[in-house]
Protein backbone atom coordinates (compact mmCIF):
# COMPACT_ATOMS: atom_id res chain seq x y z
CA UNK A 1 109.51 47.37 111.06
CA UNK A 2 107.12 48.89 113.68
CA UNK A 3 109.56 51.78 114.24
CA UNK A 4 109.87 52.46 110.61
CA UNK A 5 106.04 52.68 110.25
CA UNK A 6 105.83 55.16 113.11
CA UNK A 7 108.40 57.25 111.46
CA UNK A 8 106.66 57.53 108.27
CA UNK A 9 103.54 58.18 110.06
CA UNK A 10 105.24 61.00 112.00
CA UNK A 11 106.74 62.35 108.67
CA UNK A 12 103.11 62.28 107.06
CA UNK A 13 101.86 64.39 110.07
CA UNK A 14 104.71 66.86 109.72
CA UNK A 15 103.93 67.09 105.99
CA UNK A 16 100.33 67.84 106.77
CA UNK A 17 101.30 70.46 109.54
CA UNK A 18 103.58 72.14 106.90
CA UNK A 19 100.71 72.36 104.51
CA UNK A 20 98.59 74.02 107.05
CA UNK A 21 101.32 76.59 108.00
CA UNK A 22 101.73 77.39 104.42
CA UNK A 23 98.23 77.80 103.82
CA UNK A 24 97.77 80.08 106.93
CA UNK A 25 100.74 82.14 105.80
CA UNK A 26 99.25 82.64 102.33
CA UNK A 27 95.96 83.77 104.14
CA UNK A 28 97.93 86.13 106.20
CA UNK A 29 99.75 87.59 103.27
CA UNK A 30 96.31 88.16 101.53
CA UNK A 31 95.07 90.09 104.43
CA UNK A 32 98.35 92.22 104.46
CA UNK A 33 97.51 93.02 100.79
CA UNK A 34 93.96 94.21 101.90
CA UNK A 35 95.45 96.40 104.65
CA UNK A 36 97.82 97.88 102.16
CA UNK A 37 94.84 98.72 100.03
CA UNK A 38 92.81 100.30 102.91
CA UNK A 39 95.96 102.26 103.86
CA UNK A 40 96.26 103.51 100.45
CA UNK A 41 92.67 104.66 100.23
CA UNK A 42 92.80 106.43 103.62
CA UNK A 43 96.25 107.99 103.21
CA UNK A 44 97.57 106.26 106.27
CA UNK A 45 101.36 105.55 106.90
CA UNK A 46 102.86 102.21 106.01
CA UNK A 47 104.41 101.35 109.46
CA UNK A 48 102.52 100.94 112.80
CA UNK A 49 105.32 99.98 115.02
CA UNK A 50 103.07 99.91 118.11
CA UNK A 51 100.85 97.34 116.53
CA UNK A 52 103.88 95.18 115.27
CA UNK A 53 105.29 95.15 118.80
CA UNK A 54 101.80 93.95 120.20
CA UNK A 55 101.80 91.19 117.56
CA UNK A 56 105.39 90.13 118.67
CA UNK A 57 104.51 90.12 122.46
CA UNK A 58 101.35 88.17 121.83
CA UNK A 59 103.41 85.60 119.85
CA UNK A 60 105.81 85.38 122.82
CA UNK A 61 102.90 85.00 125.26
CA UNK A 62 101.41 82.10 123.32
CA UNK A 63 104.71 80.46 122.82
CA UNK A 64 105.17 80.40 126.66
CA UNK A 65 101.74 78.96 127.04
CA UNK A 66 102.54 76.12 124.64
CA UNK A 67 105.94 75.25 125.96
CA UNK A 68 107.82 76.84 122.85
CA UNK A 69 110.80 79.13 123.27
CA UNK A 70 109.51 82.68 123.02
CA UNK A 71 112.83 83.61 121.15
CA UNK A 72 111.90 81.27 118.41
CA UNK A 73 108.28 82.58 118.17
CA UNK A 74 109.58 86.15 117.99
CA UNK A 75 112.13 85.33 115.13
CA UNK A 76 109.50 83.69 113.16
CA UNK A 77 106.90 86.53 113.57
CA UNK A 78 109.48 89.18 112.79
CA UNK A 79 110.43 87.60 109.67
CA UNK A 80 106.65 87.46 108.67
CA UNK A 81 106.07 91.16 109.66
CA UNK A 82 109.11 92.14 107.78
CA UNK A 83 107.96 90.47 104.64
CA UNK A 84 104.40 91.81 104.88
CA UNK A 85 105.70 95.35 105.45
CA UNK A 86 107.73 94.82 102.23
CA UNK A 87 104.75 93.62 100.39
CA UNK A 88 102.70 96.56 101.58
CA UNK A 89 105.67 98.95 100.60
CA UNK A 90 105.76 97.40 97.08
CA UNK A 91 102.10 98.33 96.67
CA UNK A 92 102.26 101.84 98.24
CA UNK A 93 105.70 102.98 97.35
CA UNK A 94 106.70 101.37 94.10
CA UNK A 95 108.73 103.63 91.80
CA UNK A 96 106.68 105.01 88.98
CA UNK A 97 108.74 103.21 86.40
CA UNK A 98 108.12 99.98 88.19
CA UNK A 99 104.39 100.39 88.12
CA UNK A 100 104.66 101.20 84.54
CA UNK A 101 106.69 98.05 83.75
CA UNK A 102 103.87 95.98 85.51
CA UNK A 103 101.24 97.71 83.57
CA UNK A 104 102.97 97.09 80.13
CA UNK A 105 103.36 93.41 80.87
CA UNK A 106 100.26 92.84 82.94
CA UNK A 107 98.79 90.23 80.41
CA UNK A 108 102.29 88.79 79.62
CA UNK A 109 103.84 87.19 82.77
CA UNK A 110 106.41 85.38 80.94
CA UNK A 111 107.68 88.61 79.42
CA UNK A 112 107.63 90.31 82.72
CA UNK A 113 109.98 87.54 83.97
CA UNK A 114 112.37 88.27 80.96
CA UNK A 115 112.33 92.00 81.84
CA UNK A 116 113.21 91.29 85.48
CA UNK A 117 116.13 89.04 84.40
CA UNK A 118 117.43 91.78 82.16
CA UNK A 119 117.26 94.38 84.88
CA UNK A 120 118.68 92.24 87.76
CA UNK A 121 121.69 91.23 85.56
CA UNK A 122 122.25 94.62 84.08
CA UNK A 123 121.68 93.45 80.55
CA UNK A 124 120.78 96.12 78.03
CA UNK A 125 118.70 95.87 75.06
CA UNK A 126 120.28 97.28 71.89
CA UNK A 127 119.12 97.99 68.25
CA UNK A 128 116.85 95.37 66.77
CA UNK A 129 115.99 93.96 70.15
CA UNK A 130 119.53 92.31 70.64
CA UNK A 131 120.65 91.68 74.16
CA UNK A 132 124.09 92.95 75.42
CA UNK A 133 126.25 92.58 78.55
CA UNK A 134 128.25 95.82 78.20
CA UNK A 135 129.21 95.71 74.64
CA UNK A 136 129.24 91.83 74.35
CA UNK A 137 126.20 90.25 72.66
CA UNK A 138 124.33 87.80 74.77
CA UNK A 139 122.32 85.23 72.84
CA UNK A 140 118.62 85.23 73.35
CA UNK A 141 118.44 81.55 74.19
CA UNK A 142 120.81 82.17 77.26
CA UNK A 143 118.37 84.77 78.57
CA UNK A 144 115.48 82.43 77.73
CA UNK A 145 117.04 79.67 79.75
CA UNK A 146 117.71 82.02 82.85
CA UNK A 147 114.11 83.30 82.78
CA UNK A 148 112.65 79.86 82.09
CA UNK A 149 111.00 80.89 78.76
CA UNK A 150 111.41 80.24 75.15
CA UNK A 151 113.63 82.46 72.93
CA UNK A 152 110.69 84.16 71.03
CA UNK A 153 109.44 85.41 74.40
CA UNK A 154 112.79 87.05 74.92
CA UNK A 155 112.82 88.67 71.58
CA UNK A 156 109.26 89.98 71.98
CA UNK A 157 110.14 91.40 75.34
CA UNK A 158 113.18 93.24 74.05
CA UNK A 159 111.04 94.70 71.29
CA UNK A 160 108.39 95.93 73.64
CA UNK A 161 110.79 97.39 75.91
CA UNK A 162 112.61 99.38 73.03
CA UNK A 163 109.36 100.64 71.70
CA UNK A 164 107.95 101.92 75.07
CA UNK A 165 108.95 105.58 75.57
CA UNK A 166 109.72 105.14 79.35
CA UNK A 167 111.40 101.77 79.30
CA UNK A 168 113.32 102.12 76.22
CA UNK A 169 115.76 104.68 77.58
CA UNK A 170 116.07 102.63 80.92
CA UNK A 171 116.62 99.15 79.33
CA UNK A 172 118.86 100.47 76.63
CA UNK A 173 121.26 101.92 79.14
CA UNK A 174 121.64 99.18 81.73
CA UNK A 175 125.16 98.14 82.72
CA UNK A 176 126.44 95.03 84.37
CA UNK A 177 128.18 95.34 87.78
CA UNK A 178 131.59 93.66 88.57
CA UNK A 179 130.41 91.92 91.77
CA UNK A 180 133.28 91.13 94.07
CA UNK A 181 131.55 88.78 96.52
CA UNK A 182 132.52 85.58 94.61
CA UNK A 183 136.30 86.60 94.34
CA UNK A 184 136.70 88.54 97.57
CA UNK A 185 138.46 85.56 99.17
CA UNK A 186 141.11 85.35 96.39
CA UNK A 187 141.75 89.13 96.75
CA UNK A 188 142.19 89.03 100.50
CA UNK A 189 138.78 91.02 100.96
CA UNK A 190 136.04 90.38 103.37
CA UNK A 191 132.47 89.79 102.71
CA UNK A 192 129.40 90.29 105.10
CA UNK A 193 125.91 89.80 104.22
CA UNK A 194 123.23 91.70 106.24
CA UNK A 195 119.43 91.03 106.40
CA UNK A 196 117.53 93.88 107.99
CA UNK A 197 114.62 93.70 110.24
CA UNK A 198 112.77 95.87 107.85
CA UNK A 199 114.22 96.46 104.41
CA UNK A 200 111.94 99.18 103.63
CA UNK A 201 113.19 101.39 106.48
CA UNK A 202 115.80 104.01 105.70
CA UNK A 203 119.15 104.32 107.63
CA UNK A 204 120.44 100.65 107.49
CA UNK A 205 123.60 101.41 105.33
CA UNK A 206 124.22 104.33 107.47
CA UNK A 207 124.29 102.38 110.73
CA UNK A 208 126.46 99.63 109.11
CA UNK A 209 128.87 102.14 107.72
CA UNK A 210 129.21 103.75 111.13
CA UNK A 211 130.27 100.41 112.80
CA UNK A 212 132.76 99.80 109.94
CA UNK A 213 134.17 103.24 110.22
CA UNK A 214 134.66 102.99 113.97
CA UNK A 215 136.95 99.85 113.50
CA UNK A 216 138.67 101.62 110.58
CA UNK A 217 137.50 99.24 108.02
CA UNK A 218 137.24 100.34 104.46
CA UNK A 219 134.46 99.43 102.14
CA UNK A 220 135.21 98.30 98.74
CA UNK A 221 131.85 97.70 97.54
CA UNK A 222 128.08 97.63 98.57
CA UNK A 223 125.33 95.83 96.81
CA UNK A 224 121.74 96.11 97.97
CA UNK A 225 119.24 93.86 96.61
CA UNK A 226 116.21 95.44 94.96
CA UNK A 227 113.08 94.65 97.05
CA UNK A 228 110.98 94.53 93.98
CA UNK A 229 112.99 91.67 92.63
CA UNK A 230 114.13 89.76 95.69
CA UNK A 231 111.76 88.30 98.27
CA UNK A 232 114.17 88.73 101.17
CA UNK A 233 116.67 91.50 100.06
CA UNK A 234 120.12 91.63 101.58
CA UNK A 235 122.86 94.09 101.87
CA UNK A 236 126.29 92.81 100.87
CA UNK A 237 129.32 94.70 101.90
CA UNK A 238 132.65 93.89 100.63
CA UNK A 239 135.53 95.18 102.91
CA UNK A 240 139.14 95.83 102.53
CA UNK A 241 139.81 92.73 105.00
CA UNK A 242 137.86 89.97 106.34
CA UNK A 243 135.83 90.89 109.63
CA UNK A 244 136.40 89.40 112.92
CA UNK A 245 135.43 89.53 116.54
CA UNK A 246 133.94 92.85 117.91
CA UNK A 247 133.07 94.21 114.44
CA UNK A 248 130.73 91.31 113.75
CA UNK A 249 129.26 91.57 117.23
CA UNK A 250 128.43 95.19 116.88
CA UNK A 251 126.91 94.75 113.51
CA UNK A 252 124.55 92.07 115.01
CA UNK A 253 123.74 94.36 117.84
CA UNK A 254 122.35 97.08 115.59
CA UNK A 255 118.65 97.50 115.99
CA UNK A 256 117.99 97.52 112.26
CA UNK A 257 119.75 94.14 111.75
CA UNK A 258 118.02 90.81 111.72
CA UNK A 259 121.11 88.73 110.84
CA UNK A 260 124.76 88.84 109.76
CA UNK A 261 126.61 86.21 107.73
CA UNK A 262 130.41 86.46 107.32
CA UNK A 263 132.01 84.78 104.36
């Protein structure tokens, strides 16, 4: 009985530490937003790689002092830095249409959720505010369930999108993508999912394609998550055959790659 009580007490302590960690992370993200605002006002570049490496090295040093594996500390810090750079990029480098979308639905967060669902699924808005997947009609209630809203919100969102001179042409011409990831195994294809150190940095696809090309691996499909829609965007590559051995090792060794998952 005493052991059980001790276990529950330890779990409560861990829960409290987790609460503090999340609270501190939220504060850090808030400061990153302030830094993005200042950079925007002063016309400064988004990245400061020297500063980032200082932060990582300081984390490694603190980890050693506290008896923690420095590699663990570095991995955690690089994930945090990557996300913060991404958030700053969203503020400083958002496409004009994305800024316009956020302005249109600034006071209607539920409708913004619907617009994001439509865009991410490639669902177009047709005449009368009807939703289509290609030429197949999608009931508003189905979109509502996906977005976690009611049917009327979906219908209001669709009408607003159609009536807007910038968003109307965009959302009325979306097309769905035949995503091969889920069926690759049945087709004898390979799937590799790559998370970048910094999803805002150009050249990741070039590096990955270079490795695959050296091993004469053909690419059947590439899908990159939109960083404006996905918190931790990934690059999914479908190849003509499952990847093995040295190909995977070389992908993991790329400087821009944080992790590689092979399916």
